[in-house]
Amino acid sequence: MSQSSPVSTDPQQIQALLERWCAAVRDKDLDAIMRYYAPDIVAYDAIIQLQFKGADAYRQHWAFCLGMCEGAMLFETHQLTIHADGDVAFAHWLNKCGGTDEQGEVKSSWMRATAGYRKTSDGWKAVHEHFSAPFDMATSKALFDLQP
């Protein structure tokens, strides 16, 4: 009789983590957003700086970003793919993000997202995150109107 290896639930755990994180962003709950990250997170966000090192620096950036959106937040993952093996994992997806302006109109765009995770005693934590938008090399303008 052959034994089969147990099926990993790590991808489902990471997907649940991402779902809680997205809900925290939509709720503008900074403490819940930051529970997603490891203390030594290194993040490459699409705006403001080249990189953010550590949870304190990224928390300040998240506070800035949340303050930019006065109305309801739009923050959704699409085409999510998760790869997990042992204590490390990564995921990539398309992220639709934006907010509601003063007239109640939703302004949003698609971004590319990649995250690296490490399994800790507190569960999976993001140790690396990268958000970006493609740009036109001829004009140096970001291409925010692209659709998947």
Protein backbone atom coordinates (compact mmCIF):
# COMPACT_ATOMS: atom_id res chain seq x y z
CA MET A 1 0.00 0.00 0.00
CA SER A 2 1.47 3.37 -0.96
CA GLN A 3 1.13 6.40 1.23
CA SER A 4 0.23 9.73 -0.30
CA SER A 5 1.51 12.97 1.11
CA PRO A 6 -1.06 15.17 2.79
CA VAL A 7 -2.57 17.93 0.69
CA SER A 8 -1.29 21.33 1.79
CA THR A 9 -3.81 23.89 2.97
CA ASP A 10 -1.21 26.67 2.69
CA PRO A 11 -2.65 28.18 -0.52
CA GLN A 12 -6.10 28.39 1.08
CA GLN A 13 -4.60 29.98 4.20
CA ILE A 14 -2.83 32.60 2.09
CA GLN A 15 -5.98 33.26 0.08
CA ALA A 16 -7.93 33.80 3.32
CA LEU A 17 -5.15 36.12 4.54
CA LEU A 18 -5.41 38.13 1.32
CA GLU A 19 -9.20 38.32 1.60
CA ARG A 20 -8.95 39.67 5.18
CA TRP A 21 -6.30 42.17 4.07
CA CYS A 22 -8.44 43.41 1.14
CA ALA A 23 -11.42 43.81 3.47
CA ALA A 24 -9.23 45.77 5.90
CA VAL A 25 -8.15 48.09 3.06
CA ARG A 26 -11.75 48.65 1.99
CA ASP A 27 -12.65 49.33 5.64
CA LYS A 28 -9.63 51.66 5.99
CA ASP A 29 -8.61 49.72 9.11
CA LEU A 30 -4.89 50.46 9.37
CA ASP A 31 -4.26 48.08 12.27
CA ALA A 32 -5.90 45.19 10.39
CA ILE A 33 -3.98 46.08 7.22
CA MET A 34 -0.68 45.93 9.08
CA ARG A 35 -1.43 42.49 10.61
CA TYR A 36 -0.90 41.12 7.09
CA TYR A 37 2.78 42.12 7.09
CA ALA A 38 5.90 40.78 8.78
CA PRO A 39 7.85 43.36 10.82
CA ASP A 40 10.67 43.23 8.24
CA ILE A 41 8.43 43.80 5.18
CA VAL A 42 10.13 45.28 2.13
CA ALA A 43 7.58 46.85 -0.19
CA TYR A 44 7.74 48.42 -3.62
CA ASP A 45 4.54 50.39 -3.92
CA ALA A 46 3.48 52.15 -7.10
CA ILE A 47 3.62 55.67 -5.65
CA ILE A 48 5.77 58.09 -3.64
CA GLN A 49 9.00 56.17 -2.90
CA LEU A 50 11.27 53.60 -4.50
CA GLN A 51 10.91 51.24 -1.53
CA PHE A 52 9.65 50.92 2.03
CA LYS A 53 11.66 48.93 4.58
CA GLY A 54 9.99 47.72 7.74
CA ALA A 55 6.46 47.76 9.06
CA ASP A 56 6.76 51.24 10.61
CA ALA A 57 7.73 52.85 7.29
CA TYR A 58 5.03 50.98 5.41
CA ARG A 59 2.41 51.84 8.03
CA GLN A 60 3.13 55.54 7.49
CA HIS A 61 2.75 55.05 3.75
CA TRP A 62 -0.53 53.16 4.17
CA ALA A 63 -1.84 55.97 6.41
CA PHE A 64 -0.98 58.47 3.66
CA CYS A 65 -2.70 56.35 1.00
CA LEU A 66 -5.85 55.84 3.04
CA GLY A 67 -6.01 59.60 3.68
CA MET A 68 -6.02 60.25 -0.07
CA CYS A 69 -9.37 58.47 -0.50
CA GLU A 70 -12.17 60.32 1.25
CA GLY A 71 -14.99 58.08 0.06
CA ALA A 72 -15.45 54.35 -0.21
CA MET A 73 -12.43 52.29 -1.23
CA LEU A 74 -12.31 49.82 -4.10
CA PHE A 75 -9.69 47.08 -3.58
CA GLU A 76 -10.12 43.69 -5.27
CA THR A 77 -7.88 40.81 -6.31
CA HIS A 78 -8.39 39.15 -9.70
CA GLN A 79 -6.61 36.25 -11.39
CA LEU A 80 -4.97 35.24 -8.11
CA THR A 81 -2.27 32.55 -8.28
CA ILE A 82 -0.61 31.20 -5.13
CA HIS A 83 2.45 28.95 -4.91
CA ALA A 84 3.43 27.60 -1.48
CA ASP A 85 6.16 25.17 -0.47
CA GLY A 86 7.10 24.63 3.15
CA ASP A 87 7.65 27.91 4.97
CA VAL A 88 7.72 30.21 1.93
CA ALA A 89 5.18 31.16 -0.69
CA PHE A 90 4.45 33.76 -3.30
CA ALA A 91 1.34 35.04 -5.00
CA HIS A 92 0.59 37.25 -7.97
CA TRP A 93 -2.61 38.86 -9.09
CA LEU A 94 -4.18 41.84 -10.78
CA ASN A 95 -5.51 44.38 -8.32
CA LYS A 96 -8.34 46.78 -9.07
CA CYS A 97 -8.01 49.70 -6.73
CA GLY A 98 -9.44 53.15 -6.38
CA GLY A 99 -11.88 55.25 -4.47
CA THR A 100 -14.95 57.42 -4.65
CA ASP A 101 -14.45 61.10 -5.46
CA GLU A 102 -16.34 64.12 -4.09
CA GLN A 103 -19.12 63.61 -6.69
CA GLY A 104 -19.58 59.97 -5.69
CA GLU A 105 -17.91 58.63 -8.85
CA VAL A 106 -15.59 55.65 -8.50
CA LYS A 107 -12.12 56.28 -9.93
CA SER A 108 -10.05 53.13 -10.31
CA SER A 109 -7.30 51.43 -12.25
CA TRP A 110 -5.68 48.04 -12.58
CA MET A 111 -2.34 47.35 -10.96
CA ARG A 112 -0.02 44.34 -10.99
CA ALA A 113 0.73 42.80 -7.61
CA THR A 114 3.19 40.23 -6.33
CA ALA A 115 3.78 39.21 -2.72
CA GLY A 116 6.20 36.89 -0.96
CA TYR A 117 5.21 35.16 2.29
CA ARG A 118 6.93 33.43 5.17
CA LYS A 119 5.16 31.07 7.57
CA THR A 120 5.63 32.31 11.14
CA SER A 121 4.35 31.28 14.56
CA ASP A 122 1.54 33.80 13.88
CA GLY A 123 0.68 32.23 10.53
CA TRP A 124 1.59 33.45 7.05
CA LYS A 125 2.95 37.00 6.81
CA ALA A 126 3.85 39.09 3.77
CA VAL A 127 7.61 39.76 3.75
CA HIS A 128 7.70 41.35 0.30
CA GLU A 129 5.09 43.22 -1.73
CA HIS A 130 5.28 44.85 -5.13
CA PHE A 131 2.59 46.93 -6.82
CA SER A 132 3.17 48.47 -10.23
CA ALA A 133 1.51 49.89 -13.30
CA PRO A 134 2.93 49.48 -16.80
CA PHE A 135 4.12 52.66 -18.46
CA ASP A 136 4.68 53.97 -21.97
CA MET A 137 8.42 54.37 -22.52
CA ALA A 138 7.92 57.05 -25.18
CA THR A 139 5.89 59.35 -22.91
CA SER A 140 6.97 58.12 -19.44
CA LYS A 141 3.27 58.07 -18.52
CA ALA A 142 1.68 55.29 -16.50
CA LEU A 143 -0.95 53.28 -18.39
CA PHE A 144 -3.83 53.34 -15.95
CA ASP A 145 -6.53 52.67 -18.53
CA LEU A 146 -5.40 49.12 -19.45
CA GLN A 147 -7.89 46.30 -18.86
CA PRO A 148 -7.21 42.60 -18.20
